[in-house]
N, C-alpha and C. Protein backbone atom coordinates (compact mmCIF):
# COMPACT_ATOMS: atom_id res chain seq x y z
N MET A 1 1.02 -1.22 -0.12
CA MET A 1 -0.05 -0.26 -0.08
C MET A 1 0.84 1.23 0.11
N ILE A 2 2.12 1.15 0.36
CA ILE A 2 2.88 2.60 0.41
C ILE A 2 4.06 2.51 -0.64
N SER A 3 3.68 3.27 -1.50
CA SER A 3 4.67 3.53 -2.83
C SER A 3 6.09 3.59 -2.47
N SER A 4 6.45 4.28 -1.25
CA SER A 4 8.02 4.43 -0.96
C SER A 4 7.81 5.30 0.49
N PRO A 5 8.92 5.05 1.20
CA PRO A 5 8.74 5.77 2.72
C PRO A 5 8.26 7.15 2.58
N SER A 6 8.58 7.86 1.70
CA SER A 6 8.30 9.48 1.67
C SER A 6 7.18 9.77 0.70
N ASP A 7 6.26 8.92 0.37
CA ASP A 7 5.22 9.14 -0.69
C ASP A 7 4.06 8.08 -0.19
N ARG A 8 3.44 8.22 0.81
CA ARG A 8 2.40 7.52 1.10
C ARG A 8 1.06 8.21 0.60
N ARG A 9 0.67 8.09 -0.92
CA ARG A 9 -0.26 8.76 -1.28
C ARG A 9 -1.21 7.78 -1.70
N ARG A 10 -1.79 7.21 -0.79
CA ARG A 10 -2.81 6.22 -0.99
C ARG A 10 -4.32 6.36 -0.56
N PRO A 11 -5.32 6.32 -1.21
CA PRO A 11 -6.55 6.68 -1.01
C PRO A 11 -7.03 5.97 0.32
N TYR A 12 -6.69 6.46 1.48
CA TYR A 12 -7.00 6.05 2.59
C TYR A 12 -8.52 5.45 3.04
N PHE A 13 -9.41 6.09 2.77
CA PHE A 13 -10.64 5.67 3.08
C PHE A 13 -11.61 6.43 1.75
N ALA A 14 -11.05 5.99 0.61
CA ALA A 14 -11.85 6.46 -0.51
C ALA A 14 -13.25 6.18 -0.75
N SER A 15 -13.49 4.91 -0.44
CA SER A 15 -14.98 4.22 -0.50
C SER A 15 -15.66 3.77 0.61
N ALA A 16 -15.19 4.21 1.87
CA ALA A 16 -15.86 4.06 3.09
C ALA A 16 -16.02 4.98 3.87
N ALA A 17 -17.21 4.91 4.79
CA ALA A 17 -17.54 6.04 5.67
C ALA A 17 -16.19 5.69 7.09
N VAL A 18 -15.90 6.98 7.65
CA VAL A 18 -14.95 7.12 8.69
C VAL A 18 -15.66 7.40 9.85
N ALA A 19 -15.53 6.76 10.96
CA ALA A 19 -16.10 7.38 12.23
C ALA A 19 -15.03 7.74 13.15
N VAL A 20 -15.03 9.04 13.72
CA VAL A 20 -14.11 9.32 14.59
C VAL A 20 -14.62 9.39 16.22
N LEU A 21 -14.67 8.25 16.79
CA LEU A 21 -15.23 8.02 18.32
C LEU A 21 -14.15 8.89 19.17
N LEU A 22 -14.25 9.81 19.68
CA LEU A 22 -13.52 10.45 20.54
C LEU A 22 -13.57 10.54 21.87
N LEU A 23 -14.79 10.28 22.38
CA LEU A 23 -15.16 10.44 23.98
C LEU A 23 -16.36 9.45 24.24
N THR A 24 -16.67 9.37 25.42
CA THR A 24 -17.86 8.73 25.81
C THR A 24 -19.10 9.63 25.27
N GLY A 25 -20.17 8.74 24.77
CA GLY A 25 -21.27 9.67 24.06
C GLY A 25 -20.99 10.13 22.57
N CYS A 26 -19.64 9.97 22.13
CA CYS A 26 -19.34 10.23 20.69
C CYS A 26 -19.40 9.17 20.04
N THR A 27 -20.79 8.75 19.60
CA THR A 27 -20.89 7.26 19.17
C THR A 27 -21.18 7.20 17.53
N ALA A 28 -20.88 6.24 16.82
CA ALA A 28 -21.03 5.76 15.49
C ALA A 28 -20.14 4.99 15.10
N ASN A 29 -20.25 3.47 15.26
CA ASN A 29 -19.26 2.78 14.68
C ASN A 29 -19.49 2.45 13.14
N MET A 30 -18.23 3.06 12.13
CA MET A 30 -18.71 2.81 10.92
C MET A 30 -17.24 1.99 10.41
N PRO A 31 -17.32 1.32 9.12
CA PRO A 31 -16.09 0.67 8.95
C PRO A 31 -15.13 1.59 8.46
N ALA A 32 -13.82 1.26 8.52
CA ALA A 32 -12.62 1.94 7.75
C ALA A 32 -12.58 1.54 6.53
N GLN A 33 -11.73 2.06 5.73
CA GLN A 33 -11.35 1.43 4.46
C GLN A 33 -11.22 0.10 4.45
N GLY A 34 -11.85 -0.65 3.35
CA GLY A 34 -11.55 -2.34 3.39
C GLY A 34 -12.47 -3.07 4.00
N GLN A 35 -13.05 -2.22 5.19
CA GLN A 35 -14.28 -3.20 5.65
C GLN A 35 -15.34 -3.68 5.16
N GLY A 36 -15.71 -4.83 4.64
CA GLY A 36 -16.83 -5.30 4.20
C GLY A 36 -16.82 -5.17 2.43
N THR A 37 -15.57 -5.06 1.89
CA THR A 37 -15.13 -4.78 0.72
C THR A 37 -14.49 -5.78 0.27
N THR A 38 -14.37 -6.09 -0.93
CA THR A 38 -12.85 -7.32 -1.64
C THR A 38 -12.36 -6.49 -2.53
N ALA A 39 -11.06 -6.43 -2.40
CA ALA A 39 -10.22 -5.83 -3.27
C ALA A 39 -9.97 -6.41 -4.61
N PRO A 40 -10.08 -5.84 -6.02
CA PRO A 40 -9.93 -6.58 -6.91
C PRO A 40 -8.33 -7.38 -7.33
N THR A 41 -8.77 -8.53 -7.45
CA THR A 41 -7.48 -9.41 -7.81
C THR A 41 -6.49 -8.85 -9.02
N PRO A 42 -5.44 -8.60 -9.04
CA PRO A 42 -4.86 -7.93 -10.32
C PRO A 42 -4.63 -9.26 -11.33
N THR A 43 -4.83 -8.47 -12.42
CA THR A 43 -4.59 -9.40 -13.67
C THR A 43 -3.19 -9.12 -14.36
N VAL A 44 -2.34 -10.54 -14.46
CA VAL A 44 -1.00 -10.56 -14.96
C VAL A 44 -1.23 -11.27 -16.16
N SER A 45 -0.66 -10.35 -17.24
CA SER A 45 -0.58 -10.78 -18.54
C SER A 45 0.26 -12.05 -18.49
N ALA A 46 0.26 -13.24 -19.31
CA ALA A 46 1.18 -14.22 -19.60
C ALA A 46 1.97 -14.09 -20.75
N THR A 47 1.91 -12.71 -21.56
CA THR A 47 2.92 -12.57 -22.67
C THR A 47 3.06 -11.01 -22.48
N ALA A 48 4.48 -11.03 -22.75
CA ALA A 48 4.82 -9.60 -22.80
C ALA A 48 4.17 -8.50 -23.73
N PRO A 49 4.18 -7.22 -23.40
CA PRO A 49 3.31 -6.37 -24.31
C PRO A 49 3.97 -6.23 -25.71
N ALA A 50 3.26 -5.94 -26.54
CA ALA A 50 3.81 -5.31 -27.98
C ALA A 50 4.51 -4.24 -27.80
N PRO A 51 5.93 -4.39 -28.64
CA PRO A 51 6.44 -2.87 -28.32
C PRO A 51 5.44 -1.72 -29.16
N ALA A 52 5.73 -0.80 -28.80
CA ALA A 52 4.89 0.54 -29.51
C ALA A 52 5.64 0.70 -30.72
N PRO A 53 4.88 1.28 -31.82
CA PRO A 53 5.54 1.29 -32.98
C PRO A 53 6.45 2.44 -33.14
N THR A 54 7.59 2.62 -33.76
CA THR A 54 8.35 3.29 -34.04
C THR A 54 7.75 4.60 -34.48
N GLN A 55 8.06 5.91 -34.05
CA GLN A 55 7.44 7.25 -34.58
C GLN A 55 8.65 8.06 -34.97
N THR A 56 8.52 8.82 -36.11
CA THR A 56 9.48 9.39 -36.44
C THR A 56 9.16 10.86 -35.86
N PRO A 57 10.37 11.60 -35.19
CA PRO A 57 10.51 12.52 -34.38
C PRO A 57 10.17 13.84 -35.61
N THR A 58 9.17 14.66 -35.08
CA THR A 58 8.35 15.52 -35.73
C THR A 58 8.83 16.98 -35.18
N THR A 59 9.01 18.15 -35.78
CA THR A 59 9.45 19.53 -35.75
C THR A 59 8.31 20.33 -35.65
N PRO A 60 7.99 20.89 -34.57
CA PRO A 60 6.98 21.72 -34.13
C PRO A 60 6.87 22.77 -35.19
N ALA A 61 5.70 22.81 -35.51
CA ALA A 61 5.39 23.97 -36.60
C ALA A 61 5.82 25.48 -35.95
N PRO A 62 6.48 26.10 -36.89
CA PRO A 62 6.89 27.65 -36.15
C PRO A 62 5.69 28.42 -35.59
N GLY A 63 6.11 28.93 -34.24
CA GLY A 63 5.05 29.62 -33.58
C GLY A 63 4.36 28.77 -32.39
N THR A 64 4.61 27.35 -32.45
CA THR A 64 3.94 26.48 -31.64
C THR A 64 4.31 26.41 -30.50
N PRO A 65 3.58 26.88 -29.13
CA PRO A 65 4.20 26.97 -28.04
C PRO A 65 5.12 25.56 -27.49
N ALA A 66 5.72 25.75 -26.70
CA ALA A 66 6.49 24.65 -26.17
C ALA A 66 5.66 23.84 -25.20
N PRO A 67 5.74 22.62 -24.93
CA PRO A 67 5.00 22.12 -24.10
C PRO A 67 5.35 22.47 -22.35
N ALA A 68 4.22 22.71 -21.67
CA ALA A 68 4.69 22.96 -20.48
C ALA A 68 5.31 22.06 -19.48
N PRO A 69 6.20 22.43 -18.80
CA PRO A 69 7.28 21.45 -17.76
C PRO A 69 6.18 20.77 -17.10
N ALA A 70 6.60 19.56 -16.71
CA ALA A 70 5.44 18.72 -15.77
C ALA A 70 5.73 19.39 -14.34
N PRO A 71 4.64 19.75 -13.64
CA PRO A 71 4.78 20.42 -12.15
C PRO A 71 5.62 19.40 -11.38
N GLU A 72 6.58 20.25 -10.45
CA GLU A 72 7.44 19.63 -9.44
C GLU A 72 6.35 19.10 -8.27
N GLN A 73 6.91 17.91 -7.57
CA GLN A 73 6.33 17.71 -6.46
C GLN A 73 6.68 18.32 -5.20
N LEU A 74 5.86 18.96 -4.21
CA LEU A 74 6.19 19.47 -3.18
C LEU A 74 7.19 18.75 -2.18
N PRO A 75 8.26 19.39 -1.79
CA PRO A 75 9.07 18.85 -0.88
C PRO A 75 8.54 18.20 0.27
N VAL A 76 9.18 17.04 0.76
CA VAL A 76 8.58 16.25 1.87
C VAL A 76 9.29 15.95 2.66
N LEU A 77 9.31 15.45 3.73
CA LEU A 77 10.20 14.73 4.74
C LEU A 77 10.16 13.12 4.98
N PRO A 78 11.16 12.56 5.34
CA PRO A 78 11.26 11.25 5.27
C PRO A 78 10.27 10.71 6.53
N GLU A 79 9.86 9.65 6.39
CA GLU A 79 9.41 8.82 7.32
C GLU A 79 9.88 9.01 8.65
N SER A 80 9.02 9.12 9.86
CA SER A 80 9.50 9.15 11.11
C SER A 80 8.37 9.28 12.09
N ASN A 81 7.93 8.49 12.66
CA ASN A 81 6.72 8.61 13.66
C ASN A 81 6.47 9.75 14.67
N PRO A 82 5.61 10.41 14.66
CA PRO A 82 5.42 11.57 15.75
C PRO A 82 5.76 11.23 17.11
N VAL A 83 6.30 12.16 18.16
CA VAL A 83 6.28 12.05 19.14
C VAL A 83 5.46 12.80 20.02
N SER A 84 5.22 13.90 19.63
CA SER A 84 4.28 14.68 20.46
C SER A 84 3.94 16.01 19.51
N PHE A 85 3.09 16.74 19.86
CA PHE A 85 3.02 17.84 19.11
C PHE A 85 2.38 19.09 20.07
N ALA A 86 2.76 20.26 19.65
CA ALA A 86 2.52 21.64 20.45
C ALA A 86 1.76 22.67 19.54
N ILE A 87 0.71 23.40 19.73
CA ILE A 87 -0.07 24.39 18.95
C ILE A 87 0.09 25.73 19.77
N PRO A 88 1.12 26.56 19.61
CA PRO A 88 1.64 27.61 20.76
C PRO A 88 0.32 28.53 20.77
N ALA A 89 -0.49 28.80 19.45
CA ALA A 89 -1.48 29.97 19.72
C ALA A 89 -2.72 29.71 20.69
N ILE A 90 -2.91 28.16 20.97
CA ILE A 90 -3.96 28.12 21.85
C ILE A 90 -3.38 27.22 23.37
N GLY A 91 -2.06 27.03 23.12
CA GLY A 91 -1.41 26.73 24.77
C GLY A 91 -1.82 25.05 24.50
N ALA A 92 -2.02 24.28 23.29
CA ALA A 92 -2.26 22.78 23.37
C ALA A 92 -1.14 22.19 23.00
N GLY A 93 -1.10 20.90 23.82
CA GLY A 93 0.10 20.00 23.22
C GLY A 93 -0.12 18.73 24.23
N SER A 94 0.70 17.80 23.81
CA SER A 94 0.80 16.51 24.41
C SER A 94 1.84 15.59 23.68
N ASP A 95 2.09 14.45 24.52
CA ASP A 95 2.55 13.43 23.74
C ASP A 95 1.36 12.82 22.96
N LEU A 96 1.95 11.87 21.88
CA LEU A 96 1.23 11.30 20.89
C LEU A 96 1.12 9.88 20.97
N LEU A 97 0.04 9.42 21.07
CA LEU A 97 0.04 7.87 21.14
C LEU A 97 -0.12 7.22 19.62
N SER A 98 0.30 5.75 19.30
CA SER A 98 0.03 5.47 18.03
C SER A 98 -0.77 4.28 18.16
N LEU A 99 -2.27 4.69 17.52
CA LEU A 99 -3.18 3.95 17.22
C LEU A 99 -3.68 3.53 15.96
N GLY A 100 -4.40 2.54 15.67
CA GLY A 100 -4.90 1.92 14.34
C GLY A 100 -6.38 1.83 14.48
N LEU A 101 -6.58 0.51 14.08
CA LEU A 101 -8.23 0.29 13.71
C LEU A 101 -8.53 -0.70 15.12
N ARG A 102 -9.94 -0.73 15.50
CA ARG A 102 -10.42 -1.60 16.59
C ARG A 102 -10.79 -2.86 15.79
N ASP A 103 -10.98 -3.92 16.19
CA ASP A 103 -11.46 -5.35 15.90
C ASP A 103 -12.54 -4.98 14.82
N ASN A 104 -13.66 -4.09 15.19
CA ASN A 104 -14.76 -3.87 14.22
C ASN A 104 -14.62 -3.00 13.18
N GLY A 105 -13.20 -2.53 13.00
CA GLY A 105 -12.80 -1.56 11.82
C GLY A 105 -13.16 -0.14 12.35
N SER A 106 -13.34 0.21 13.39
CA SER A 106 -13.48 1.62 13.67
C SER A 106 -12.41 2.11 14.03
N LEU A 107 -12.06 3.30 13.80
CA LEU A 107 -11.03 3.97 14.54
C LEU A 107 -10.65 3.87 16.04
N ASP A 108 -9.58 3.41 16.22
CA ASP A 108 -9.22 3.44 17.71
C ASP A 108 -8.88 4.95 18.20
N VAL A 109 -9.32 5.39 19.53
CA VAL A 109 -9.18 6.67 19.93
C VAL A 109 -8.25 6.67 21.26
N PRO A 110 -7.56 7.84 21.43
CA PRO A 110 -7.10 8.07 22.90
C PRO A 110 -8.02 7.90 23.82
N PRO A 111 -7.20 7.14 25.24
CA PRO A 111 -8.43 7.18 26.34
C PRO A 111 -8.87 8.54 26.78
N GLY A 112 -10.15 8.19 27.01
CA GLY A 112 -10.67 9.57 27.51
C GLY A 112 -10.60 9.99 28.89
N ASP A 113 -9.84 9.33 29.62
CA ASP A 113 -9.60 10.21 31.13
C ASP A 113 -8.08 10.29 31.16
N PRO A 114 -7.82 11.58 31.27
CA PRO A 114 -8.65 12.71 31.40
C PRO A 114 -8.84 13.63 30.16
N GLY A 115 -9.02 13.01 29.20
CA GLY A 115 -8.81 13.93 28.00
C GLY A 115 -7.68 14.14 27.38
N ALA A 116 -6.77 13.54 27.50
CA ALA A 116 -5.33 13.85 26.96
C ALA A 116 -4.60 12.22 27.18
N PRO A 117 -3.68 11.98 26.32
CA PRO A 117 -3.07 12.89 25.12
C PRO A 117 -4.00 12.67 24.06
N ALA A 118 -3.55 13.21 22.70
CA ALA A 118 -3.99 12.84 21.35
C ALA A 118 -3.31 11.61 20.76
N SER A 119 -3.61 11.17 19.68
CA SER A 119 -3.08 10.34 19.01
C SER A 119 -2.66 10.40 17.72
N TRP A 120 -1.89 9.74 16.99
CA TRP A 120 -1.41 9.74 15.88
C TRP A 120 -2.10 8.25 14.98
N TYR A 121 -3.10 8.51 14.10
CA TYR A 121 -3.63 7.25 13.32
C TYR A 121 -2.78 6.74 12.45
N ASN A 122 -2.04 5.56 13.13
CA ASN A 122 -0.93 5.09 12.27
C ASN A 122 -1.01 4.34 10.95
N ASN A 123 -2.36 4.51 10.25
CA ASN A 123 -2.19 4.08 8.86
C ASN A 123 -2.16 5.09 8.03
N SER A 124 -2.10 6.62 8.85
CA SER A 124 -1.82 7.52 8.06
C SER A 124 -0.67 7.81 7.85
N PRO A 125 0.07 8.84 6.96
CA PRO A 125 1.64 9.43 6.86
C PRO A 125 1.64 9.72 8.18
N THR A 126 3.36 9.42 8.31
CA THR A 126 3.71 9.99 9.50
C THR A 126 3.92 11.84 9.22
N PRO A 127 3.75 12.49 10.21
CA PRO A 127 3.64 14.11 9.71
C PRO A 127 5.00 14.46 9.14
N GLY A 128 4.69 15.09 7.74
CA GLY A 128 5.82 15.65 7.28
C GLY A 128 6.05 14.83 5.80
N GLU A 129 5.57 13.31 5.93
CA GLU A 129 5.45 12.74 4.63
C GLU A 129 4.34 12.98 3.94
N ARG A 130 4.36 12.80 2.41
CA ARG A 130 3.37 13.16 1.47
C ARG A 130 2.07 12.49 1.90
N GLY A 131 1.15 13.33 1.86
CA GLY A 131 -0.07 12.76 2.37
C GLY A 131 -0.83 13.44 3.35
N PRO A 132 -2.07 13.05 3.82
CA PRO A 132 -2.60 13.84 5.32
C PRO A 132 -2.24 12.80 6.22
N ALA A 133 -1.38 13.54 7.32
CA ALA A 133 -1.22 12.64 8.65
C ALA A 133 -2.75 13.29 9.56
N VAL A 134 -3.03 12.24 10.23
CA VAL A 134 -4.10 12.47 11.10
C VAL A 134 -3.67 12.55 12.43
N LEU A 135 -4.38 13.41 13.26
CA LEU A 135 -4.23 13.41 14.67
C LEU A 135 -5.67 13.55 15.26
N LEU A 136 -5.84 12.71 16.29
CA LEU A 136 -7.08 12.47 16.79
C LEU A 136 -6.99 13.04 18.44
N GLY A 137 -7.90 13.76 18.94
CA GLY A 137 -7.97 14.22 20.34
C GLY A 137 -9.15 14.48 20.87
N HIS A 138 -9.52 14.43 22.02
CA HIS A 138 -10.72 14.58 22.68
C HIS A 138 -11.04 16.05 23.10
N VAL A 139 -12.45 16.23 22.55
CA VAL A 139 -12.97 17.80 22.85
C VAL A 139 -13.00 17.98 24.70
N ASN A 140 -13.40 17.30 25.08
CA ASN A 140 -13.53 17.31 26.63
C ASN A 140 -13.07 15.96 27.25
N ALA A 141 -12.74 16.12 28.82
CA ALA A 141 -12.29 15.02 29.40
C ALA A 141 -13.62 14.36 30.35
N THR A 142 -13.27 13.30 30.63
CA THR A 142 -14.58 12.47 31.30
C THR A 142 -14.98 13.08 32.70
N ASP A 143 -14.00 14.22 33.29
CA ASP A 143 -14.38 14.71 34.60
C ASP A 143 -15.23 15.84 33.99
N GLY A 144 -15.56 16.13 32.65
CA GLY A 144 -16.13 17.54 32.33
C GLY A 144 -15.26 18.54 32.25
N GLY A 145 -13.70 18.27 32.26
CA GLY A 145 -12.96 19.40 31.88
C GLY A 145 -12.85 19.31 30.22
N PRO A 146 -11.83 20.35 29.95
CA PRO A 146 -11.34 20.64 28.66
C PRO A 146 -10.38 19.28 28.26
N GLY A 147 -10.68 18.87 26.92
CA GLY A 147 -9.75 17.98 26.39
C GLY A 147 -8.70 18.54 25.73
N VAL A 148 -7.70 17.44 25.24
CA VAL A 148 -6.41 18.24 24.41
C VAL A 148 -6.99 18.89 23.26
N PHE A 149 -7.86 18.67 22.73
CA PHE A 149 -8.29 19.71 21.43
C PHE A 149 -9.58 20.48 21.89
N ALA A 150 -9.87 20.81 23.02
CA ALA A 150 -10.98 21.72 23.35
C ALA A 150 -10.96 23.11 22.53
N ASP A 151 -9.96 23.61 22.36
CA ASP A 151 -9.66 24.96 21.68
C ASP A 151 -9.57 25.22 20.17
N LEU A 152 -9.70 23.95 19.64
CA LEU A 152 -9.44 23.92 18.24
C LEU A 152 -10.15 24.94 17.31
N ARG A 153 -11.23 25.53 17.97
CA ARG A 153 -12.10 26.37 17.19
C ARG A 153 -11.45 27.83 17.30
N LYS A 154 -10.40 27.90 18.17
CA LYS A 154 -9.84 29.18 18.37
C LYS A 154 -8.70 29.48 17.09
N LEU A 155 -8.14 28.40 16.69
CA LEU A 155 -7.40 28.33 15.73
C LEU A 155 -7.61 29.06 14.40
N LYS A 156 -6.63 30.11 13.79
CA LYS A 156 -6.85 30.94 12.81
C LYS A 156 -6.09 30.65 11.59
N ALA A 157 -6.49 30.79 10.63
CA ALA A 157 -5.46 30.48 9.39
C ALA A 157 -3.64 31.15 9.35
N GLY A 158 -2.88 30.29 9.52
CA GLY A 158 -1.89 31.02 9.43
C GLY A 158 -0.95 30.42 11.02
N ASP A 159 -1.73 30.10 11.74
CA ASP A 159 -1.34 29.65 13.30
C ASP A 159 -0.60 28.22 12.85
N THR A 160 0.50 27.85 13.59
CA THR A 160 1.36 27.11 13.52
C THR A 160 0.93 25.88 14.47
N ILE A 161 1.23 24.67 13.83
CA ILE A 161 1.23 23.48 14.50
C ILE A 161 2.60 22.59 14.21
N ASN A 162 3.36 22.42 15.52
CA ASN A 162 4.49 21.76 15.59
C ASN A 162 4.65 20.20 16.19
N VAL A 163 5.12 19.13 15.26
CA VAL A 163 4.99 17.94 15.58
C VAL A 163 6.49 17.43 15.78
N LEU A 164 6.79 17.08 16.74
CA LEU A 164 8.17 16.38 17.03
C LEU A 164 8.34 15.10 16.76
N ARG A 165 9.44 14.65 16.00
CA ARG A 165 9.41 13.29 15.41
C ARG A 165 10.09 12.39 16.14
N LYS A 166 10.14 11.20 15.76
CA LYS A 166 11.19 10.19 16.68
C LYS A 166 12.35 10.48 15.73
N ASP A 167 12.82 11.02 14.94
CA ASP A 167 14.38 11.13 14.19
C ASP A 167 14.89 12.44 14.90
N GLY A 168 13.90 13.22 15.86
CA GLY A 168 14.56 14.43 16.32
C GLY A 168 14.35 15.65 15.58
N THR A 169 13.44 15.84 14.40
CA THR A 169 13.20 16.68 13.44
C THR A 169 11.71 17.34 14.09
N THR A 170 11.46 18.53 13.65
CA THR A 170 9.88 19.01 14.00
C THR A 170 9.75 19.46 12.59
N ALA A 171 8.41 18.81 12.50
CA ALA A 171 7.61 19.15 11.20
C ALA A 171 6.40 20.61 11.61
N THR A 172 6.61 21.41 10.98
CA THR A 172 5.90 22.58 11.29
C THR A 172 4.91 22.90 10.20
N PHE A 173 3.56 22.76 10.56
CA PHE A 173 2.38 23.20 9.79
C PHE A 173 1.86 24.20 9.89
N THR A 174 1.14 24.93 8.99
CA THR A 174 0.22 26.09 8.88
C THR A 174 -0.93 25.93 8.64
N VAL A 175 -1.99 26.45 9.63
CA VAL A 175 -3.36 26.27 9.72
C VAL A 175 -3.92 26.63 8.19
N ASP A 176 -4.82 26.18 7.53
CA ASP A 176 -5.15 26.45 6.21
C ASP A 176 -6.60 27.12 6.57
N ARG A 177 -7.46 25.93 7.19
CA ARG A 177 -8.77 26.20 7.39
C ARG A 177 -9.30 25.06 8.43
N ALA A 178 -10.46 25.37 8.69
CA ALA A 178 -11.27 24.37 9.54
C ALA A 178 -12.65 24.17 9.40
N GLU A 179 -13.32 23.01 9.34
CA GLU A 179 -14.67 22.76 8.99
C GLU A 179 -15.53 21.85 9.99
N GLN A 180 -16.64 21.96 10.07
CA GLN A 180 -17.42 21.33 10.88
C GLN A 180 -18.13 20.38 9.84
N TYR A 181 -18.58 19.00 10.41
CA TYR A 181 -19.14 17.81 9.41
C TYR A 181 -19.86 17.29 10.23
N ALA A 182 -21.26 16.98 9.85
CA ALA A 182 -22.25 16.06 10.39
C ALA A 182 -21.37 14.54 10.24
N LYS A 183 -21.66 13.96 11.35
CA LYS A 183 -21.14 12.65 11.26
C LYS A 183 -21.81 11.75 10.25
N ASP A 184 -23.15 11.66 9.96
CA ASP A 184 -23.47 10.98 9.06
C ASP A 184 -23.36 11.48 7.67
N ALA A 185 -22.55 12.57 7.48
CA ALA A 185 -22.21 13.22 6.14
C ALA A 185 -20.92 13.42 6.10
N PHE A 186 -19.86 12.64 6.87
CA PHE A 186 -18.46 13.06 6.77
C PHE A 186 -18.12 12.67 5.35
N PRO A 187 -17.42 13.95 4.79
CA PRO A 187 -16.43 13.94 3.42
C PRO A 187 -15.08 12.88 3.67
N THR A 188 -15.32 11.71 3.72
CA THR A 188 -14.28 10.98 3.80
C THR A 188 -12.84 11.01 2.69
N GLN A 189 -13.22 11.15 1.35
CA GLN A 189 -12.22 11.67 0.51
C GLN A 189 -11.27 12.78 0.90
N LYS A 190 -12.34 13.81 1.20
CA LYS A 190 -11.95 15.32 1.45
C LYS A 190 -11.15 15.24 2.45
N VAL A 191 -11.25 14.50 3.54
CA VAL A 191 -10.34 14.71 4.73
C VAL A 191 -9.14 13.79 4.40
N TYR A 192 -9.31 12.27 4.16
CA TYR A 192 -8.37 11.24 4.16
C TYR A 192 -7.67 11.16 2.90
N GLY A 193 -8.30 11.76 1.76
CA GLY A 193 -7.57 11.55 0.51
C GLY A 193 -6.50 12.12 0.21
N ASN A 194 -5.57 11.54 -0.96
CA ASN A 194 -4.35 12.06 -1.32
C ASN A 194 -4.24 13.42 -1.46
N THR A 195 -2.91 13.94 -1.11
CA THR A 195 -2.67 15.42 -1.03
C THR A 195 -1.26 15.36 -1.86
N GLU A 196 -1.09 16.39 -2.45
CA GLU A 196 0.33 16.81 -3.27
C GLU A 196 1.53 16.77 -2.46
N GLY A 197 1.21 17.51 -1.41
CA GLY A 197 2.28 17.66 -0.24
C GLY A 197 1.88 17.03 0.81
N SER A 198 2.77 17.55 1.97
CA SER A 198 2.52 16.88 3.33
C SER A 198 1.52 17.92 4.23
N GLU A 199 0.30 17.16 4.33
CA GLU A 199 -0.47 17.94 4.97
C GLU A 199 -0.94 17.20 6.39
N LEU A 200 -1.61 17.88 7.10
CA LEU A 200 -2.06 17.57 8.68
C LEU A 200 -3.39 17.59 8.82
N ARG A 201 -3.97 16.83 9.41
CA ARG A 201 -5.49 16.98 9.85
C ARG A 201 -5.55 16.84 11.66
N LEU A 202 -6.30 17.84 12.15
CA LEU A 202 -6.82 17.31 13.80
C LEU A 202 -8.06 17.18 13.48
N ILE A 203 -8.62 16.18 14.19
CA ILE A 203 -9.90 15.93 14.40
C ILE A 203 -10.37 15.59 15.81
N THR A 204 -11.58 16.28 15.91
CA THR A 204 -12.26 16.08 17.30
C THR A 204 -13.75 16.02 17.07
N CYS A 205 -14.51 15.90 18.26
CA CYS A 205 -15.90 15.90 18.40
C CYS A 205 -16.50 17.31 18.14
N ASP A 206 -17.51 17.54 17.82
CA ASP A 206 -18.35 18.61 17.94
C ASP A 206 -19.80 18.71 17.76
N GLY A 207 -20.65 19.61 17.72
CA GLY A 207 -22.02 19.50 17.66
C GLY A 207 -22.89 18.61 18.85
N TYR A 208 -22.50 19.24 20.17
CA TYR A 208 -23.07 18.54 21.25
C TYR A 208 -24.51 18.74 21.49
N ASP A 209 -25.18 17.40 21.48
CA ASP A 209 -26.71 17.57 21.59
C ASP A 209 -26.87 17.20 22.95
N PRO A 210 -27.76 18.36 23.94
CA PRO A 210 -27.73 18.28 25.41
C PRO A 210 -28.73 17.18 25.68
N ASN A 211 -29.69 16.84 24.60
CA ASN A 211 -31.04 16.00 24.70
C ASN A 211 -30.42 14.70 24.70
N THR A 212 -29.17 14.49 24.02
CA THR A 212 -28.98 12.95 23.86
C THR A 212 -27.74 12.82 24.64
N GLY A 213 -26.86 13.66 24.99
CA GLY A 213 -25.70 13.53 25.40
C GLY A 213 -24.66 13.11 24.76
N GLU A 214 -24.99 13.32 23.19
CA GLU A 214 -23.89 12.95 22.46
C GLU A 214 -23.55 14.13 21.50
N PHE A 215 -22.15 13.86 20.53
CA PHE A 215 -21.74 14.77 19.81
C PHE A 215 -22.21 14.17 18.45
N ASP A 216 -22.93 15.05 17.54
CA ASP A 216 -23.14 14.64 16.16
C ASP A 216 -22.30 14.95 15.01
N ASP A 217 -21.56 15.81 15.35
CA ASP A 217 -20.71 15.96 14.44
C ASP A 217 -18.85 16.29 14.51
N ASN A 218 -18.15 16.29 13.45
CA ASN A 218 -16.66 16.25 13.99
C ASN A 218 -16.19 17.49 13.59
N TYR A 219 -15.08 18.15 14.16
CA TYR A 219 -14.26 19.29 13.89
C TYR A 219 -13.13 18.74 13.20
N VAL A 220 -12.84 19.52 11.88
CA VAL A 220 -11.47 19.12 11.32
C VAL A 220 -10.62 20.38 10.91
N VAL A 221 -9.57 20.29 11.45
CA VAL A 221 -8.43 21.24 11.21
C VAL A 221 -7.57 20.85 9.95
N TYR A 222 -7.30 21.63 8.93
CA TYR A 222 -6.71 21.43 7.80
C TYR A 222 -5.38 22.13 7.86
N ALA A 223 -4.13 21.60 7.77
CA ALA A 223 -3.03 22.44 7.76
C ALA A 223 -1.97 21.74 6.60
N LYS A 224 -0.96 22.69 6.49
CA LYS A 224 -0.09 22.18 5.30
C LYS A 224 1.33 22.51 5.89
N LEU A 225 2.27 21.59 5.35
CA LEU A 225 3.68 21.78 6.24
C LEU A 225 4.05 22.92 5.59
N ALA A 226 4.94 23.68 6.70
CA ALA A 226 5.41 25.07 6.36
C ALA A 226 6.66 24.77 5.20
N LEU A 227 6.98 25.60 4.32
CA LEU A 227 8.10 25.24 3.45
C LEU A 227 9.09 26.52 3.67
């Protein structure tokens, strides 16, 4: 699934719903990518493909514009697991757990007591690699206090997010935007789909319903590696 250590541009959840279960009462167990579906079996040809016919080079007609050069890929960092994060603008930060999927196919999440630390979803790229690295955190704690991602709504475009990596480097991301989504209409491809450069997603719960005691929405912060 990984094309190279620094180019994890796979469609993580391109065809399946994603549930982010971030604290008690934040419910909706939906399958992650690959749950309930069968990957197509690749077909291998028994014979070598026929060579392409030889073409005689042609000279462009006078005045014909030269073809545009292929766009260069944005620089990224090599693979290295995240250790911790800090967001100076809101005073948030914690060590980072490394969590994957539960047996039922839903995303595993950090322990809710007391609302920290946050976690890195370890089937996403490491922060700094090409693609969208995903950090999950609670909006509140089990004792009613604030969670590690309680103040994500205070972030503005241009604020920075620093992720310390195991190799000793720090990947610094700049906030681009943030959006709130209903969990039953979560834009899977938009949040988890491939990106040209290194990006970061911070995800927490939102849309608290006092009648049910549950969170109906997710809040997602989008950030890009500062170059």
